[in-house]
PDB file of N, CA and C in Angstrom:
ATOM      1  N   MET A   1       8.771   5.902 -25.192  1.00  0.00           N
ATOM      2  CA  MET A   1       8.218   7.202 -24.892  1.00  0.00           C
ATOM      3  C   MET A   1       9.354   8.163 -24.542  1.00  0.00           C
ATOM      4  N   GLU A   2       9.112   9.410 -24.793  1.00  0.00           N
ATOM      5  CA  GLU A   2      10.095  10.448 -24.507  1.00  0.00           C
ATOM      6  C   GLU A   2      10.078  10.797 -23.014  1.00  0.00           C
ATOM      7  N   ILE A   3      11.203  11.276 -22.521  1.00  0.00           N
ATOM      8  CA  ILE A   3      11.307  11.690 -21.117  1.00  0.00           C
ATOM      9  C   ILE A   3      10.329  12.813 -20.810  1.00  0.00           C
ATOM     10  N   GLY A   4      10.169  13.737 -21.738  1.00  0.00           N
ATOM     11  CA  GLY A   4       9.230  14.840 -21.544  1.00  0.00           C
ATOM     12  C   GLY A   4       7.801  14.347 -21.376  1.00  0.00           C
ATOM     13  N   ASP A   5       7.442  13.318 -22.139  1.00  0.00           N
ATOM     14  CA  ASP A   5       6.105  12.732 -22.006  1.00  0.00           C
ATOM     15  C   ASP A   5       5.906  12.148 -20.617  1.00  0.00           C
ATOM     16  N   LEU A   6       6.913  11.428 -20.136  1.00  0.00           N
ATOM     17  CA  LEU A   6       6.814  10.824 -18.802  1.00  0.00           C
ATOM     18  C   LEU A   6       6.747  11.891 -17.715  1.00  0.00           C
ATOM     19  N   ASN A   7       7.519  12.957 -17.870  1.00  0.00           N
ATOM     20  CA  ASN A   7       7.465  14.058 -16.898  1.00  0.00           C
ATOM     21  C   ASN A   7       6.090  14.709 -16.880  1.00  0.00           C
ATOM     22  N   ASN A   8       5.491  14.893 -18.059  1.00  0.00           N
ATOM     23  CA  ASN A   8       4.145  15.471 -18.127  1.00  0.00           C
ATOM     24  C   ASN A   8       3.120  14.560 -17.458  1.00  0.00           C
ATOM     25  N   VAL A   9       3.245  13.267 -17.667  1.00  0.00           N
ATOM     26  CA  VAL A   9       2.320  12.318 -17.041  1.00  0.00           C
ATOM     27  C   VAL A   9       2.459  12.377 -15.525  1.00  0.00           C
ATOM     28  N   LEU A  10       3.697  12.459 -15.029  1.00  0.00           N
ATOM     29  CA  LEU A  10       3.901  12.545 -13.583  1.00  0.00           C
ATOM     30  C   LEU A  10       3.312  13.824 -13.006  1.00  0.00           C
ATOM     31  N   LYS A  11       3.462  14.943 -13.711  1.00  0.00           N
ATOM     32  CA  LYS A  11       2.880  16.205 -13.248  1.00  0.00           C
ATOM     33  C   LYS A  11       1.355  16.125 -13.211  1.00  0.00           C
ATOM     34  N   GLN A  12       0.763  15.540 -14.256  1.00  0.00           N
ATOM     35  CA  GLN A  12      -0.689  15.389 -14.298  1.00  0.00           C
ATOM     36  C   GLN A  12      -1.170  14.486 -13.164  1.00  0.00           C
ATOM     37  N   ALA A  13      -0.441  13.407 -12.913  1.00  0.00           N
ATOM     38  CA  ALA A  13      -0.828  12.484 -11.850  1.00  0.00           C
ATOM     39  C   ALA A  13      -0.766  13.167 -10.489  1.00  0.00           C
ATOM     40  N   ASP A  14       0.254  13.985 -10.262  1.00  0.00           N
ATOM     41  CA  ASP A  14       0.361  14.722  -8.999  1.00  0.00           C
ATOM     42  C   ASP A  14      -0.818  15.664  -8.807  1.00  0.00           C
ATOM     43  N   GLU A  15      -1.244  16.320  -9.884  1.00  0.00           N
ATOM     44  CA  GLU A  15      -2.355  17.268  -9.797  1.00  0.00           C
ATOM     45  C   GLU A  15      -3.682  16.553  -9.548  1.00  0.00           C
ATOM     46  N   ILE A  16      -3.875  15.416 -10.189  1.00  0.00           N
ATOM     47  CA  ILE A  16      -5.151  14.704 -10.117  1.00  0.00           C
ATOM     48  C   ILE A  16      -5.313  13.921  -8.824  1.00  0.00           C
ATOM     49  N   CYS A  17      -4.255  13.314  -8.335  1.00  0.00           N
ATOM     50  CA  CYS A  17      -4.334  12.313  -7.261  1.00  0.00           C
ATOM     51  C   CYS A  17      -4.163  12.916  -5.871  1.00  0.00           C
ATOM     52  N   GLY A  18      -4.864  13.975  -5.576  1.00  0.00           N
ATOM     53  CA  GLY A  18      -4.728  14.624  -4.284  1.00  0.00           C
ATOM     54  C   GLY A  18      -5.070  13.744  -3.092  1.00  0.00           C
ATOM     55  N   ASN A  19      -6.334  13.406  -2.924  1.00  0.00           N
ATOM     56  CA  ASN A  19      -6.785  12.668  -1.741  1.00  0.00           C
ATOM     57  C   ASN A  19      -7.203  11.243  -2.073  1.00  0.00           C
ATOM     58  N   MET A  20      -6.683  10.685  -3.127  1.00  0.00           N
ATOM     59  CA  MET A  20      -7.065   9.326  -3.529  1.00  0.00           C
ATOM     60  C   MET A  20      -6.293   8.289  -2.724  1.00  0.00           C
ATOM     61  N   ASP A  21      -6.882   7.092  -2.608  1.00  0.00           N
ATOM     62  CA  ASP A  21      -6.142   6.008  -1.981  1.00  0.00           C
ATOM     63  C   ASP A  21      -5.206   5.381  -3.014  1.00  0.00           C
ATOM     64  N   LEU A  22      -4.401   4.436  -2.587  1.00  0.00           N
ATOM     65  CA  LEU A  22      -3.342   3.892  -3.428  1.00  0.00           C
ATOM     66  C   LEU A  22      -3.864   3.241  -4.703  1.00  0.00           C
ATOM     67  N   SER A  23      -4.949   2.477  -4.613  1.00  0.00           N
ATOM     68  CA  SER A  23      -5.460   1.796  -5.811  1.00  0.00           C
ATOM     69  C   SER A  23      -6.023   2.798  -6.821  1.00  0.00           C
ATOM     70  N   GLU A  24      -6.659   3.864  -6.342  1.00  0.00           N
ATOM     71  CA  GLU A  24      -7.170   4.898  -7.244  1.00  0.00           C
ATOM     72  C   GLU A  24      -6.021   5.648  -7.917  1.00  0.00           C
ATOM     73  N   LYS A  25      -4.949   5.907  -7.153  1.00  0.00           N
ATOM     74  CA  LYS A  25      -3.785   6.576  -7.716  1.00  0.00           C
ATOM     75  C   LYS A  25      -3.147   5.729  -8.808  1.00  0.00           C
ATOM     76  N   SER A  26      -3.019   4.431  -8.559  1.00  0.00           N
ATOM     77  CA  SER A  26      -2.392   3.567  -9.553  1.00  0.00           C
ATOM     78  C   SER A  26      -3.260   3.445 -10.799  1.00  0.00           C
ATOM     79  N   ASP A  27      -4.572   3.387 -10.633  1.00  0.00           N
ATOM     80  CA  ASP A  27      -5.473   3.342 -11.791  1.00  0.00           C
ATOM     81  C   ASP A  27      -5.361   4.624 -12.616  1.00  0.00           C
ATOM     82  N   SER A  28      -5.290   5.759 -11.952  1.00  0.00           N
ATOM     83  CA  SER A  28      -5.168   7.038 -12.659  1.00  0.00           C
ATOM     84  C   SER A  28      -3.845   7.126 -13.403  1.00  0.00           C
ATOM     85  N   ALA A  29      -2.759   6.719 -12.750  1.00  0.00           N
ATOM     86  CA  ALA A  29      -1.451   6.753 -13.395  1.00  0.00           C
ATOM     87  C   ALA A  29      -1.413   5.817 -14.600  1.00  0.00           C
ATOM     88  N   LYS A  30      -2.004   4.657 -14.456  1.00  0.00           N
ATOM     89  CA  LYS A  30      -2.055   3.699 -15.568  1.00  0.00           C
ATOM     90  C   LYS A  30      -2.824   4.286 -16.745  1.00  0.00           C
ATOM     91  N   ARG A  31      -3.949   4.904 -16.460  1.00  0.00           N
ATOM     92  CA  ARG A  31      -4.769   5.496 -17.518  1.00  0.00           C
ATOM     93  C   ARG A  31      -4.013   6.626 -18.225  1.00  0.00           C
ATOM     94  N   LEU A  32      -3.344   7.482 -17.453  1.00  0.00           N
ATOM     95  CA  LEU A  32      -2.584   8.584 -18.042  1.00  0.00           C
ATOM     96  C   LEU A  32      -1.433   8.064 -18.912  1.00  0.00           C
ATOM     97  N   LEU A  33      -0.723   7.050 -18.431  1.00  0.00           N
ATOM     98  CA  LEU A  33       0.381   6.489 -19.208  1.00  0.00           C
ATOM     99  C   LEU A  33      -0.108   5.839 -20.491  1.00  0.00           C
ATOM    100  N   ASN A  34      -1.204   5.092 -20.396  1.00  0.00           N
ATOM    101  CA  ASN A  34      -1.747   4.437 -21.590  1.00  0.00           C
ATOM    102  C   ASN A  34      -2.251   5.462 -22.607  1.00  0.00           C
ATOM    103  N   ASP A  35      -2.875   6.540 -22.135  1.00  0.00           N
ATOM    104  CA  ASP A  35      -3.342   7.589 -23.046  1.00  0.00           C
ATOM    105  C   ASP A  35      -2.172   8.242 -23.772  1.00  0.00           C
ATOM    106  N   CYS A  36      -1.123   8.561 -23.030  1.00  0.00           N
ATOM    107  CA  CYS A  36       0.044   9.188 -23.625  1.00  0.00           C
ATOM    108  C   CYS A  36       0.713   8.243 -24.625  1.00  0.00           C
ATOM    109  N   ALA A  37       0.830   6.985 -24.271  1.00  0.00           N
ATOM    110  CA  ALA A  37       1.463   6.011 -25.164  1.00  0.00           C
ATOM    111  C   ALA A  37       0.647   5.802 -26.430  1.00  0.00           C
ATOM    112  N   SER A  38      -0.673   5.766 -26.304  1.00  0.00           N
ATOM    113  CA  SER A  38      -1.509   5.538 -27.483  1.00  0.00           C
ATOM    114  C   SER A  38      -1.417   6.709 -28.460  1.00  0.00           C
ATOM    115  N   LYS A  39      -1.224   7.925 -27.944  1.00  0.00           N
ATOM    116  CA  LYS A  39      -1.041   9.078 -28.823  1.00  0.00           C
ATOM    117  C   LYS A  39       0.246   8.954 -29.640  1.00  0.00           C
ATOM    118  N   ARG A  40       1.230   8.263 -29.093  1.00  0.00           N
ATOM    119  CA  ARG A  40       2.502   8.046 -29.772  1.00  0.00           C
ATOM    120  C   ARG A  40       2.511   6.759 -30.607  1.00  0.00           C
ATOM    121  N   GLY A  41       1.413   5.996 -30.541  1.00  0.00           N
ATOM    122  CA  GLY A  41       1.349   4.747 -31.290  1.00  0.00           C
ATOM    123  C   GLY A  41       2.073   3.606 -30.595  1.00  0.00           C
ATOM    124  N   ILE A  42       2.177   3.688 -29.273  1.00  0.00           N
ATOM    125  CA  ILE A  42       2.890   2.684 -28.474  1.00  0.00           C
ATOM    126  C   ILE A  42       1.877   1.903 -27.657  1.00  0.00           C
ATOM    127  N   THR A  43       2.064   0.600 -27.571  1.00  0.00           N
ATOM    128  CA  THR A  43       1.229  -0.245 -26.738  1.00  0.00           C
ATOM    129  C   THR A  43       2.035  -0.668 -25.515  1.00  0.00           C
ATOM    130  N   LEU A  44       1.509  -0.375 -24.334  1.00  0.00           N
ATOM    131  CA  LEU A  44       2.171  -0.775 -23.088  1.00  0.00           C
ATOM    132  C   LEU A  44       1.607  -2.113 -22.637  1.00  0.00           C
ATOM    133  N   LYS A  45       2.504  -3.002 -22.216  1.00  0.00           N
ATOM    134  CA  LYS A  45       2.069  -4.323 -21.803  1.00  0.00           C
ATOM    135  C   LYS A  45       2.897  -4.758 -20.604  1.00  0.00           C
ATOM    136  N   LEU A  46       2.232  -5.281 -19.581  1.00  0.00           N
ATOM    137  CA  LEU A  46       2.911  -5.770 -18.392  1.00  0.00           C
ATOM    138  C   LEU A  46       3.525  -7.134 -18.707  1.00  0.00           C
ATOM    139  N   ARG A  47       4.809  -7.264 -18.413  1.00  0.00           N
ATOM    140  CA  ARG A  47       5.502  -8.524 -18.643  1.00  0.00           C
ATOM    141  C   ARG A  47       5.929  -9.091 -17.300  1.00  0.00           C
ATOM    142  N   LYS A  48       5.343 -10.221 -16.926  1.00  0.00           N
ATOM    143  CA  LYS A  48       5.693 -10.865 -15.663  1.00  0.00           C
ATOM    144  C   LYS A  48       6.641 -12.021 -15.941  1.00  0.00           C
ATOM    145  N   GLY A  49       7.349 -12.419 -14.914  1.00  0.00           N
ATOM    146  CA  GLY A  49       8.211 -13.586 -15.043  1.00  0.00           C
ATOM    147  C   GLY A  49       9.683 -13.225 -14.940  1.00  0.00           C
ATOM    148  N   SER A  50      10.498 -14.252 -15.011  1.00  0.00           N
ATOM    149  CA  SER A  50      11.935 -14.032 -14.923  1.00  0.00           C
ATOM    150  C   SER A  50      12.489 -13.637 -16.282  1.00  0.00           C
ATOM    151  N   TRP A  51      13.569 -12.913 -16.268  1.00  0.00           N
ATOM    152  CA  TRP A  51      14.201 -12.432 -17.497  1.00  0.00           C
ATOM    153  C   TRP A  51      15.180 -13.452 -17.897  1.00  0.00           C
TER     154      TRP A  51
END
């Protein structure tokens, strides 16, 4: 993803997540990031474990 896309997602998250608790904020940020990535044809996936 482009830096500009990430900056836009952060701005949107700041505007949306005013009085939300931590879990609601993380869900909103996840949704915004996934929406932005899908528009670019990118699939985001959490990778756990050691590198």
